[in-house]
Amino acid sequence: MKPSVPGIILIAIGALFLLRNLGFDLHLGQLFATWWPLALIALGVGMMFRRTS
């Protein structure tokens, strides 16, 4: 795993908590249920363009 991936994950989690504290109603289960295919697509594209050394 690249060193920047855990940092990006932590930033995303922090942003979700911040939005919830600011009054945005987030349903993480519903978001995940709707957008999980996009994560698979992004993973596949990342694997296609990954450099091998």
PDB file of N, CA and C in Angstrom:
ATOM      1  N   MET A   1       0.856  -1.179   0.000  1.00  0.00           N
ATOM      2  CA  MET A   1       0.000   0.000   0.000  1.00  0.00           C
ATOM      3  C   MET A   1       0.898   1.238   0.000  1.00  0.00           C
ATOM      4  N   LYS A   2       0.548   2.180  -0.820  1.00  0.00           N
ATOM      5  CA  LYS A   2       1.324   3.415  -0.887  1.00  0.00           C
ATOM      6  C   LYS A   2       1.166   4.195   0.414  1.00  0.00           C
ATOM      7  N   PRO A   3       2.182   4.934   0.812  1.00  0.00           N
ATOM      8  CA  PRO A   3       2.096   5.696   2.069  1.00  0.00           C
ATOM      9  C   PRO A   3       0.989   6.742   2.071  1.00  0.00           C
ATOM     10  N   SER A   4       0.570   7.223   0.914  1.00  0.00           N
ATOM     11  CA  SER A   4      -0.456   8.265   0.882  1.00  0.00           C
ATOM     12  C   SER A   4      -1.865   7.709   1.055  1.00  0.00           C
ATOM     13  N   VAL A   5      -2.067   6.413   0.824  1.00  0.00           N
ATOM     14  CA  VAL A   5      -3.410   5.837   0.907  1.00  0.00           C
ATOM     15  C   VAL A   5      -3.977   5.919   2.328  1.00  0.00           C
ATOM     16  N   PRO A   6      -3.243   5.508   3.370  1.00  0.00           N
ATOM     17  CA  PRO A   6      -3.809   5.647   4.719  1.00  0.00           C
ATOM     18  C   PRO A   6      -4.113   7.096   5.081  1.00  0.00           C
ATOM     19  N   GLY A   7      -3.283   8.017   4.618  1.00  0.00           N
ATOM     20  CA  GLY A   7      -3.537   9.440   4.877  1.00  0.00           C
ATOM     21  C   GLY A   7      -4.821   9.912   4.219  1.00  0.00           C
ATOM     22  N   ILE A   8      -5.043   9.482   2.992  1.00  0.00           N
ATOM     23  CA  ILE A   8      -6.269   9.858   2.283  1.00  0.00           C
ATOM     24  C   ILE A   8      -7.487   9.272   2.982  1.00  0.00           C
ATOM     25  N   ILE A   9      -7.374   8.039   3.448  1.00  0.00           N
ATOM     26  CA  ILE A   9      -8.489   7.409   4.165  1.00  0.00           C
ATOM     27  C   ILE A   9      -8.798   8.176   5.444  1.00  0.00           C
ATOM     28  N   LEU A  10      -7.769   8.558   6.191  1.00  0.00           N
ATOM     29  CA  LEU A  10      -7.986   9.315   7.429  1.00  0.00           C
ATOM     30  C   LEU A  10      -8.607  10.680   7.149  1.00  0.00           C
ATOM     31  N   ILE A  11      -8.176  11.336   6.080  1.00  0.00           N
ATOM     32  CA  ILE A  11      -8.763  12.630   5.717  1.00  0.00           C
ATOM     33  C   ILE A  11     -10.232  12.462   5.361  1.00  0.00           C
ATOM     34  N   ALA A  12     -10.568  11.420   4.613  1.00  0.00           N
ATOM     35  CA  ALA A  12     -11.961  11.181   4.228  1.00  0.00           C
ATOM     36  C   ALA A  12     -12.832  10.908   5.452  1.00  0.00           C
ATOM     37  N   ILE A  13     -12.333  10.099   6.378  1.00  0.00           N
ATOM     38  CA  ILE A  13     -13.100   9.810   7.595  1.00  0.00           C
ATOM     39  C   ILE A  13     -13.280  11.078   8.416  1.00  0.00           C
ATOM     40  N   GLY A  14     -12.222  11.867   8.540  1.00  0.00           N
ATOM     41  CA  GLY A  14     -12.325  13.132   9.274  1.00  0.00           C
ATOM     42  C   GLY A  14     -13.309  14.088   8.630  1.00  0.00           C
ATOM     43  N   ALA A  15     -13.314  14.142   7.292  1.00  0.00           N
ATOM     44  CA  ALA A  15     -14.255  15.013   6.588  1.00  0.00           C
ATOM     45  C   ALA A  15     -15.694  14.566   6.828  1.00  0.00           C
ATOM     46  N   LEU A  16     -15.926  13.258   6.859  1.00  0.00           N
ATOM     47  CA  LEU A  16     -17.280  12.761   7.130  1.00  0.00           C
ATOM     48  C   LEU A  16     -17.740  13.153   8.535  1.00  0.00           C
ATOM     49  N   PHE A  17     -16.856  13.003   9.522  1.00  0.00           N
ATOM     50  CA  PHE A  17     -17.218  13.399  10.884  1.00  0.00           C
ATOM     51  C   PHE A  17     -17.455  14.903  10.981  1.00  0.00           C
ATOM     52  N   LEU A  18     -16.637  15.692  10.291  1.00  0.00           N
ATOM     53  CA  LEU A  18     -16.811  17.138  10.299  1.00  0.00           C
ATOM     54  C   LEU A  18     -18.155  17.524   9.681  1.00  0.00           C
ATOM     55  N   LEU A  19     -18.499  16.926   8.559  1.00  0.00           N
ATOM     56  CA  LEU A  19     -19.785  17.226   7.926  1.00  0.00           C
ATOM     57  C   LEU A  19     -20.948  16.861   8.837  1.00  0.00           C
ATOM     58  N   ARG A  20     -20.827  15.745   9.534  1.00  0.00           N
ATOM     59  CA  ARG A  20     -21.888  15.346  10.463  1.00  0.00           C
ATOM     60  C   ARG A  20     -22.018  16.360  11.599  1.00  0.00           C
ATOM     61  N   ASN A  21     -20.883  16.850  12.113  1.00  0.00           N
ATOM     62  CA  ASN A  21     -20.912  17.844  13.186  1.00  0.00           C
ATOM     63  C   ASN A  21     -21.459  19.183  12.719  1.00  0.00           C
ATOM     64  N   LEU A  22     -21.309  19.483  11.429  1.00  0.00           N
ATOM     65  CA  LEU A  22     -21.816  20.743  10.889  1.00  0.00           C
ATOM     66  C   LEU A  22     -23.294  20.669  10.515  1.00  0.00           C
ATOM     67  N   GLY A  23     -23.921  19.532  10.734  1.00  0.00           N
ATOM     68  CA  GLY A  23     -25.353  19.432  10.519  1.00  0.00           C
ATOM     69  C   GLY A  23     -25.781  18.713   9.255  1.00  0.00           C
ATOM     70  N   PHE A  24     -24.847  18.210   8.486  1.00  0.00           N
ATOM     71  CA  PHE A  24     -25.218  17.441   7.302  1.00  0.00           C
ATOM     72  C   PHE A  24     -25.611  16.041   7.737  1.00  0.00           C
ATOM     73  N   ASP A  25     -26.752  15.579   7.268  1.00  0.00           N
ATOM     74  CA  ASP A  25     -27.250  14.267   7.651  1.00  0.00           C
ATOM     75  C   ASP A  25     -26.681  13.223   6.695  1.00  0.00           C
ATOM     76  N   LEU A  26     -25.712  12.468   7.169  1.00  0.00           N
ATOM     77  CA  LEU A  26     -25.061  11.467   6.339  1.00  0.00           C
ATOM     78  C   LEU A  26     -25.471  10.076   6.794  1.00  0.00           C
ATOM     79  N   HIS A  27     -25.890   9.273   5.850  1.00  0.00           N
ATOM     80  CA  HIS A  27     -26.197   7.873   6.121  1.00  0.00           C
ATOM     81  C   HIS A  27     -25.134   7.045   5.405  1.00  0.00           C
ATOM     82  N   LEU A  28     -24.103   6.661   6.142  1.00  0.00           N
ATOM     83  CA  LEU A  28     -22.960   5.999   5.532  1.00  0.00           C
ATOM     84  C   LEU A  28     -23.337   4.661   4.912  1.00  0.00           C
ATOM     85  N   GLY A  29     -24.246   3.944   5.526  1.00  0.00           N
ATOM     86  CA  GLY A  29     -24.682   2.675   4.954  1.00  0.00           C
ATOM     87  C   GLY A  29     -25.347   2.860   3.605  1.00  0.00           C
ATOM     88  N   GLN A  30     -26.185   3.872   3.499  1.00  0.00           N
ATOM     89  CA  GLN A  30     -26.866   4.149   2.235  1.00  0.00           C
ATOM     90  C   GLN A  30     -25.866   4.637   1.186  1.00  0.00           C
ATOM     91  N   LEU A  31     -24.917   5.482   1.592  1.00  0.00           N
ATOM     92  CA  LEU A  31     -23.883   5.931   0.656  1.00  0.00           C
ATOM     93  C   LEU A  31     -23.066   4.754   0.137  1.00  0.00           C
ATOM     94  N   PHE A  32     -22.678   3.870   1.037  1.00  0.00           N
ATOM     95  CA  PHE A  32     -21.902   2.702   0.633  1.00  0.00           C
ATOM     96  C   PHE A  32     -22.711   1.799  -0.284  1.00  0.00           C
ATOM     97  N   ALA A  33     -23.981   1.583   0.057  1.00  0.00           N
ATOM     98  CA  ALA A  33     -24.830   0.718  -0.760  1.00  0.00           C
ATOM     99  C   ALA A  33     -25.019   1.275  -2.164  1.00  0.00           C
ATOM    100  N   THR A  34     -25.008   2.594  -2.299  1.00  0.00           N
ATOM    101  CA  THR A  34     -25.216   3.222  -3.600  1.00  0.00           C
ATOM    102  C   THR A  34     -23.935   3.285  -4.417  1.00  0.00           C
ATOM    103  N   TRP A  35     -22.804   3.598  -3.781  1.00  0.00           N
ATOM    104  CA  TRP A  35     -21.585   3.930  -4.512  1.00  0.00           C
ATOM    105  C   TRP A  35     -20.501   2.865  -4.487  1.00  0.00           C
ATOM    106  N   TRP A  36     -20.751   1.653  -3.943  1.00  0.00           N
ATOM    107  CA  TRP A  36     -19.697   0.656  -3.886  1.00  0.00           C
ATOM    108  C   TRP A  36     -19.207   0.227  -5.267  1.00  0.00           C
ATOM    109  N   PRO A  37     -20.033   0.202  -6.309  1.00  0.00           N
ATOM    110  CA  PRO A  37     -19.480  -0.163  -7.624  1.00  0.00           C
ATOM    111  C   PRO A  37     -18.425   0.831  -8.118  1.00  0.00           C
ATOM    112  N   LEU A  38     -18.578   2.097  -7.757  1.00  0.00           N
ATOM    113  CA  LEU A  38     -17.591   3.097  -8.160  1.00  0.00           C
ATOM    114  C   LEU A  38     -16.227   2.793  -7.541  1.00  0.00           C
ATOM    115  N   ALA A  39     -16.223   2.291  -6.321  1.00  0.00           N
ATOM    116  CA  ALA A  39     -14.962   1.915  -5.676  1.00  0.00           C
ATOM    117  C   ALA A  39     -14.297   0.766  -6.431  1.00  0.00           C
ATOM    118  N   LEU A  40     -15.087  -0.194  -6.898  1.00  0.00           N
ATOM    119  CA  LEU A  40     -14.523  -1.295  -7.674  1.00  0.00           C
ATOM    120  C   LEU A  40     -13.958  -0.811  -9.005  1.00  0.00           C
ATOM    121  N   ILE A  41     -14.660   0.105  -9.649  1.00  0.00           N
ATOM    122  CA  ILE A  41     -14.185   0.661 -10.917  1.00  0.00           C
ATOM    123  C   ILE A  41     -12.876   1.411 -10.698  1.00  0.00           C
ATOM    124  N   ALA A  42     -12.821   2.235  -9.656  1.00  0.00           N
ATOM    125  CA  ALA A  42     -11.603   2.993  -9.363  1.00  0.00           C
ATOM    126  C   ALA A  42     -10.441   2.050  -9.057  1.00  0.00           C
ATOM    127  N   LEU A  43     -10.711   0.987  -8.341  1.00  0.00           N
ATOM    128  CA  LEU A  43      -9.670   0.008  -8.032  1.00  0.00           C
ATOM    129  C   LEU A  43      -9.157  -0.645  -9.312  1.00  0.00           C
ATOM    130  N   GLY A  44     -10.059  -1.014 -10.198  1.00  0.00           N
ATOM    131  CA  GLY A  44      -9.661  -1.622 -11.464  1.00  0.00           C
ATOM    132  C   GLY A  44      -8.855  -0.677 -12.336  1.00  0.00           C
ATOM    133  N   VAL A  45      -9.275   0.579 -12.424  1.00  0.00           N
ATOM    134  CA  VAL A  45      -8.536   1.565 -13.216  1.00  0.00           C
ATOM    135  C   VAL A  45      -7.154   1.788 -12.613  1.00  0.00           C
ATOM    136  N   GLY A  46      -7.100   1.860 -11.295  1.00  0.00           N
ATOM    137  CA  GLY A  46      -5.809   2.025 -10.631  1.00  0.00           C
ATOM    138  C   GLY A  46      -4.876   0.856 -10.897  1.00  0.00           C
ATOM    139  N   MET A  47      -5.419  -0.351 -10.937  1.00  0.00           N
ATOM    140  CA  MET A  47      -4.599  -1.522 -11.218  1.00  0.00           C
ATOM    141  C   MET A  47      -4.124  -1.523 -12.669  1.00  0.00           C
ATOM    142  N   MET A  48      -4.941  -1.031 -13.580  1.00  0.00           N
ATOM    143  CA  MET A  48      -4.546  -0.983 -14.987  1.00  0.00           C
ATOM    144  C   MET A  48      -3.402  -0.008 -15.212  1.00  0.00           C
ATOM    145  N   PHE A  49      -3.436   1.120 -14.529  1.00  0.00           N
ATOM    146  CA  PHE A  49      -2.445   2.160 -14.765  1.00  0.00           C
ATOM    147  C   PHE A  49      -1.276   2.123 -13.789  1.00  0.00           C
ATOM    148  N   ARG A  50      -1.262   1.131 -12.911  1.00  0.00           N
ATOM    149  CA  ARG A  50      -0.175   1.030 -11.948  1.00  0.00           C
ATOM    150  C   ARG A  50       1.116   0.664 -12.669  1.00  0.00           C
ATOM    151  N   ARG A  51       2.162   1.336 -12.304  1.00  0.00           N
ATOM    152  CA  ARG A  51       3.472   1.045 -12.895  1.00  0.00           C
ATOM    153  C   ARG A  51       4.066  -0.174 -12.210  1.00  0.00           C
ATOM    154  N   THR A  52       4.637  -1.028 -12.999  1.00  0.00           N
ATOM    155  CA  THR A  52       5.349  -2.174 -12.434  1.00  0.00           C
ATOM    156  C   THR A  52       6.833  -1.938 -12.613  1.00  0.00           C
ATOM    157  N   SER A  53       7.572  -2.223 -11.558  1.00  0.00           N
ATOM    158  CA  SER A  53       9.017  -1.990 -11.650  1.00  0.00           C
ATOM    159  C   SER A  53       9.797  -3.263 -11.433  1.00  0.00           C
TER     160      SER A  53
END
